[in-house]
Amino acid sequence: MPKVSIILPVYNCSKYLPESVSSVLSQVYKDFELVIIDDGSNDGAEELVNKNFSDPRVVYIRQEHLGLSQARNNGIGRSSGELIAFLDADDIYLPDKLEKQVSMFEKMPAADLIYSSEKYFYEDDKDRFLDSPYEKLSGDIFVFLKRSNFIHVSTVMLKRAALNGLVFDTSLKSHEDWDFFLKLSAGGVKFYHLAEPLALIRVRRSSMTAVSPVMDSSRRIVGERAKAMWKEMKARSFLRYVSNRVRAGMIRFPTAPKFNKEPVHKEIVSER
């Protein structure tokens, strides 16, 4: 049984797989399985994987087109690692991502989820990397996370036990990762930020306008859910609610300048 299971969903973007899959297979840390969930692609993903990636750690599974959330859920269900990581098909792991996150879990056994920093790049300008515009936080982060999602799913590694049956919401067409992190945090999962960029996130400019109405709708739904979870926390665990409020006040959240940086690369914010 591998220590780490990496879930990589793909739908009609097989041209990125040589980079994303190779970035996993070239990891310094070797005790992993890569579960590729093909969400009904028709651009030759299966042939590409079978021809180019014969490594026994690569597991290819094809499903009918059911969407990103169901693909990730199926990947989780078909995997076996104690730790679960995610990688979007067009993103890239840096070589020591798995090693550094596994090592951090060993040093910090109380952590349930470890996410790293990330850098962004435009697919038509691969030599220029942009820093994340988001402030990162650790611990009980619900009060911060309910404002916006500052965690990119391709930077995440978490304990399988921390899921406690939670899956990605298949009714959401976007922001399903934000919803997932909010529910984990509301349930008491402890997040830890590893302050080092360990993943490269591809920004595809051409896709922004087409999906913006869907993204706006999903953002509203998840935002309302976050408000309801915050209200429930106040009723169920007033001490935790107060602790969140006190911590936020101590670091002047959300009014401090560091929480309101104007990114020069607004496509990153739009994409999220």
Protein backbone atom coordinates (compact mmCIF):
# COMPACT_ATOMS: atom_id res chain seq x y z
CA MET A 1 0.00 0.00 0.00
CA PRO A 2 1.49 3.38 -0.98
CA LYS A 3 1.92 6.12 1.60
CA VAL A 4 0.52 8.85 -0.70
CA SER A 5 -2.29 8.72 -3.26
CA ILE A 6 -2.33 11.56 -5.80
CA ILE A 7 -5.69 12.17 -7.47
CA LEU A 8 -5.47 13.67 -10.96
CA PRO A 9 -8.77 14.27 -12.78
CA VAL A 10 -8.63 15.00 -16.50
CA TYR A 11 -11.25 16.06 -19.01
CA ASN A 12 -10.25 16.96 -22.57
CA CYS A 13 -6.92 18.47 -21.65
CA SER A 14 -4.61 15.58 -22.44
CA LYS A 15 -2.07 17.96 -23.99
CA TYR A 16 -1.06 18.94 -20.45
CA LEU A 17 -0.66 15.39 -19.14
CA PRO A 18 2.96 14.92 -20.28
CA GLU A 19 3.98 17.78 -17.97
CA SER A 20 1.68 17.06 -15.04
CA VAL A 21 2.21 13.29 -14.93
CA SER A 22 5.96 13.62 -15.45
CA SER A 23 6.12 16.09 -12.55
CA VAL A 24 4.70 13.35 -10.31
CA LEU A 25 6.88 10.54 -11.62
CA SER A 26 9.99 12.67 -11.11
CA GLN A 27 9.25 13.29 -7.43
CA VAL A 28 12.12 12.78 -4.98
CA TYR A 29 9.67 10.90 -2.73
CA LYS A 30 8.80 7.57 -4.37
CA ASP A 31 6.17 5.86 -2.17
CA PHE A 32 3.04 6.99 -4.02
CA GLU A 33 0.36 6.01 -6.48
CA LEU A 34 -0.98 8.35 -9.14
CA VAL A 35 -4.68 7.79 -9.79
CA ILE A 36 -5.72 9.41 -13.08
CA ILE A 37 -9.48 9.72 -13.37
CA ASP A 38 -10.52 10.36 -16.96
CA ASP A 39 -13.90 12.10 -16.86
CA GLY A 40 -15.02 10.89 -20.30
CA SER A 41 -12.38 12.68 -22.38
CA ASN A 42 -12.47 12.38 -26.17
CA ASP A 43 -9.03 13.79 -26.93
CA GLY A 44 -6.92 10.66 -26.61
CA ALA A 45 -6.08 10.78 -22.90
CA GLU A 46 -6.22 7.01 -22.45
CA GLU A 47 -3.94 6.32 -25.41
CA LEU A 48 -1.48 8.98 -24.24
CA VAL A 49 -1.27 7.56 -20.72
CA ASN A 50 -0.97 3.94 -21.88
CA LYS A 51 1.72 4.80 -24.43
CA ASN A 52 3.86 7.10 -22.35
CA PHE A 53 3.42 6.16 -18.69
CA SER A 54 3.88 2.46 -18.05
CA ASP A 55 5.04 3.03 -14.46
CA PRO A 56 3.18 0.57 -12.17
CA ARG A 57 2.40 3.42 -9.79
CA VAL A 58 0.14 5.01 -12.41
CA VAL A 59 -3.48 3.87 -12.23
CA TYR A 60 -5.75 4.96 -15.09
CA ILE A 61 -9.53 4.88 -14.56
CA ARG A 62 -12.10 6.06 -17.06
CA GLN A 63 -15.60 7.16 -16.10
CA GLU A 64 -18.45 8.65 -18.05
CA HIS A 65 -18.51 12.44 -18.04
CA LEU A 66 -19.77 13.20 -14.54
CA GLY A 67 -17.77 16.31 -13.68
CA LEU A 68 -14.70 17.29 -11.71
CA SER A 69 -16.12 16.64 -8.25
CA GLN A 70 -17.24 13.12 -9.08
CA ALA A 71 -13.88 12.42 -10.69
CA ARG A 72 -12.06 13.46 -7.51
CA ASN A 73 -14.51 11.48 -5.38
CA ASN A 74 -13.99 8.36 -7.50
CA GLY A 75 -10.25 8.87 -7.28
CA ILE A 76 -10.38 9.04 -3.50
CA GLY A 77 -12.57 5.93 -3.40
CA ARG A 78 -10.27 3.93 -5.69
CA SER A 79 -7.04 4.97 -3.96
CA SER A 80 -5.45 3.43 -0.88
CA GLY A 81 -2.84 5.82 0.52
CA GLU A 82 -2.85 7.05 4.10
CA LEU A 83 -2.25 10.54 2.70
CA ILE A 84 -4.17 12.05 -0.23
CA ALA A 85 -2.90 14.77 -2.56
CA PHE A 86 -4.54 16.45 -5.53
CA LEU A 87 -3.19 17.67 -8.83
CA ASP A 88 -5.20 19.39 -11.56
CA ALA A 89 -4.32 18.05 -15.00
CA ASP A 90 -2.76 21.31 -16.18
CA ASP A 91 -0.70 22.01 -13.05
CA ILE A 92 2.80 20.88 -12.12
CA TYR A 93 4.44 19.58 -8.95
CA LEU A 94 7.94 20.76 -8.11
CA PRO A 95 10.27 17.77 -7.52
CA ASP A 96 10.30 17.85 -3.71
CA LYS A 97 6.61 18.56 -3.09
CA LEU A 98 5.67 15.13 -1.77
CA GLU A 99 8.87 14.71 0.24
CA LYS A 100 8.47 18.01 2.06
CA GLN A 101 4.80 17.51 2.86
CA VAL A 102 5.25 13.94 4.10
CA SER A 103 8.17 15.10 6.22
CA MET A 104 6.02 17.89 7.67
CA PHE A 105 3.32 15.40 8.69
CA GLU A 106 5.98 13.39 10.52
CA LYS A 107 7.17 16.50 12.35
CA MET A 108 3.64 17.80 13.07
CA PRO A 109 1.39 14.80 13.81
CA ALA A 110 -1.43 17.12 14.97
CA ALA A 111 -1.77 18.57 11.46
CA ASP A 112 -4.60 17.08 9.39
CA LEU A 113 -4.01 18.97 6.12
CA ILE A 114 -0.83 20.57 4.84
CA TYR A 115 -0.91 22.95 1.91
CA SER A 116 1.99 24.80 0.38
CA SER A 117 2.42 28.11 -1.35
CA GLU A 118 2.22 28.16 -5.14
CA LYS A 119 3.38 30.13 -8.13
CA TYR A 120 1.31 30.88 -11.22
CA PHE A 121 2.27 30.98 -14.85
CA TYR A 122 0.46 31.77 -18.10
CA GLU A 123 0.53 28.91 -20.57
CA ASP A 124 1.69 31.33 -23.26
CA ASP A 125 4.46 32.76 -21.04
CA LYS A 126 6.05 29.84 -19.19
CA ASP A 127 9.19 31.71 -18.22
CA ARG A 128 7.44 34.26 -16.02
CA PHE A 129 6.17 33.12 -12.62
CA LEU A 130 3.77 35.11 -10.47
CA ASP A 131 3.37 34.91 -6.70
CA SER A 132 0.05 34.09 -5.12
CA PRO A 133 -1.93 37.21 -4.13
CA TYR A 134 -3.42 35.40 -1.13
CA GLU A 135 -2.39 35.57 2.52
CA LYS A 136 -1.90 32.03 3.90
CA LEU A 137 -2.82 30.91 7.41
CA SER A 138 -2.54 27.84 9.62
CA GLY A 139 -4.48 26.20 12.44
CA ASP A 140 -8.21 26.74 12.89
CA ILE A 141 -8.71 28.88 9.78
CA PHE A 142 -12.48 28.88 9.30
CA VAL A 143 -13.00 32.58 10.03
CA PHE A 144 -10.44 33.42 7.34
CA LEU A 145 -11.51 30.77 4.85
CA LYS A 146 -15.14 31.84 4.92
CA ARG A 147 -14.16 35.16 3.35
CA SER A 148 -12.39 33.60 0.34
CA ASN A 149 -10.47 30.53 -0.75
CA PHE A 150 -6.74 31.12 -0.40
CA ILE A 151 -5.78 27.44 -0.85
CA HIS A 152 -5.15 25.94 -4.27
CA VAL A 153 -6.18 22.30 -4.44
CA SER A 154 -2.97 21.30 -6.25
CA THR A 155 -0.95 22.33 -3.17
CA VAL A 156 -2.91 20.14 -0.73
CA MET A 157 -2.03 16.92 1.06
CA LEU A 158 -4.30 15.60 3.80
CA LYS A 159 -4.79 12.57 5.99
CA ARG A 160 -7.40 10.17 4.66
CA ALA A 161 -8.73 9.82 8.20
CA ALA A 162 -9.46 13.57 8.28
CA LEU A 163 -12.07 13.18 5.53
CA ASN A 164 -14.44 11.36 7.85
CA GLY A 165 -16.67 10.54 4.88
CA LEU A 166 -16.58 14.02 3.34
CA VAL A 167 -16.60 14.22 -0.47
CA PHE A 168 -16.63 17.00 -3.05
CA ASP A 169 -20.12 18.34 -3.77
CA THR A 170 -21.12 17.17 -7.24
CA SER A 171 -23.89 19.77 -7.50
CA LEU A 172 -21.35 22.59 -7.69
CA LYS A 173 -19.94 23.49 -11.11
CA SER A 174 -17.17 25.64 -9.65
CA HIS A 175 -15.65 26.48 -6.23
CA GLU A 176 -16.16 22.87 -5.16
CA ASP A 177 -12.68 22.98 -3.60
CA TRP A 178 -13.56 26.04 -1.48
CA ASP A 179 -16.72 24.27 -0.29
CA PHE A 180 -14.65 21.17 0.51
CA PHE A 181 -12.08 23.12 2.55
CA LEU A 182 -14.79 25.03 4.39
CA LYS A 183 -16.50 21.82 5.45
CA LEU A 184 -13.22 20.28 6.56
CA SER A 185 -12.37 23.38 8.59
CA ALA A 186 -15.85 23.65 10.09
CA GLY A 187 -15.50 20.02 11.18
CA GLY A 188 -12.36 20.81 13.14
CA VAL A 189 -9.64 19.79 10.67
CA LYS A 190 -6.36 21.55 11.44
CA PHE A 191 -4.66 23.16 8.42
CA TYR A 192 -0.96 23.91 8.21
CA HIS A 193 0.67 26.16 5.65
CA LEU A 194 4.10 25.16 4.37
CA ALA A 195 5.53 28.51 3.37
CA GLU A 196 7.31 27.41 0.22
CA PRO A 197 6.00 27.20 -3.37
CA LEU A 198 5.79 23.51 -4.24
CA ALA A 199 3.34 23.62 -7.16
CA LEU A 200 3.08 25.61 -10.37
CA ILE A 201 -0.45 26.62 -11.35
CA ARG A 202 -1.28 27.19 -14.99
CA VAL A 203 -3.52 30.16 -15.86
CA ARG A 204 -5.42 29.75 -19.13
CA ARG A 205 -6.53 33.25 -20.14
CA SER A 206 -8.97 32.04 -22.81
CA SER A 207 -11.16 30.19 -20.33
CA MET A 208 -12.02 33.09 -18.00
CA THR A 209 -14.92 34.82 -19.74
CA ALA A 210 -16.74 31.66 -20.77
CA VAL A 211 -17.07 30.27 -17.24
CA SER A 212 -17.55 33.49 -15.24
CA PRO A 213 -21.38 33.23 -14.87
CA VAL A 214 -21.05 29.67 -13.60
CA MET A 215 -18.29 30.69 -11.22
CA ASP A 216 -20.28 33.65 -9.90
CA SER A 217 -23.28 31.43 -9.20
CA SER A 218 -21.21 28.81 -7.40
CA ARG A 219 -19.38 31.49 -5.44
CA ARG A 220 -22.69 32.83 -4.12
CA ILE A 221 -23.86 29.35 -3.12
CA VAL A 222 -20.66 28.51 -1.27
CA GLY A 223 -20.56 31.95 0.34
CA GLU A 224 -24.06 31.46 1.75
CA ARG A 225 -23.09 28.03 3.03
CA ALA A 226 -20.08 29.56 4.77
CA LYS A 227 -22.31 32.07 6.54
CA ALA A 228 -24.59 29.25 7.70
CA MET A 229 -21.63 27.21 8.99
CA TRP A 230 -20.31 30.27 10.86
CA LYS A 231 -23.72 30.76 12.47
CA GLU A 232 -23.88 27.09 13.42
CA MET A 233 -20.40 27.27 14.94
CA LYS A 234 -21.52 30.16 17.13
CA ALA A 235 -24.50 28.16 18.36
CA ARG A 236 -22.70 24.85 18.82
CA SER A 237 -19.27 25.93 20.08
CA PHE A 238 -19.31 29.51 21.31
CA LEU A 239 -15.78 29.21 22.71
CA ARG A 240 -14.43 28.26 19.27
CA TYR A 241 -16.40 31.09 17.69
CA VAL A 242 -14.95 33.61 20.16
CA SER A 243 -11.46 32.21 19.69
CA ASN A 244 -11.78 32.70 15.91
CA ARG A 245 -13.01 36.26 16.40
CA VAL A 246 -10.22 37.11 18.85
CA ARG A 247 -7.53 35.75 16.56
CA ALA A 248 -8.98 37.67 13.62
CA GLY A 249 -9.00 40.85 15.67
CA MET A 250 -5.42 40.41 16.79
CA ILE A 251 -4.14 40.32 13.21
CA ARG A 252 -6.66 42.95 12.02
CA PHE A 253 -8.50 40.61 9.68
CA PRO A 254 -9.97 41.48 7.23
CA THR A 255 -9.02 45.17 7.18
CA ALA A 256 -5.21 44.88 7.33
CA PRO A 257 -3.49 45.72 4.02
CA LYS A 258 -2.06 42.20 3.68
CA PHE A 259 -5.59 40.82 3.35
CA ASN A 260 -6.51 43.34 0.67
CA LYS A 261 -3.65 43.24 -1.78
CA GLU A 262 -4.55 44.31 -5.29
CA PRO A 263 -3.08 41.59 -7.52
CA VAL A 264 -1.43 42.75 -10.70
CA HIS A 265 -2.52 39.46 -12.28
CA LYS A 266 -6.29 39.56 -11.84
CA GLU A 267 -6.86 36.45 -13.94
CA ILE A 268 -5.65 34.44 -10.96
CA VAL A 269 -8.41 35.82 -8.76
CA SER A 270 -10.99 35.33 -11.52
CA GLU A 271 -9.92 31.73 -12.02
CA ARG A 272 -10.46 30.91 -8.38
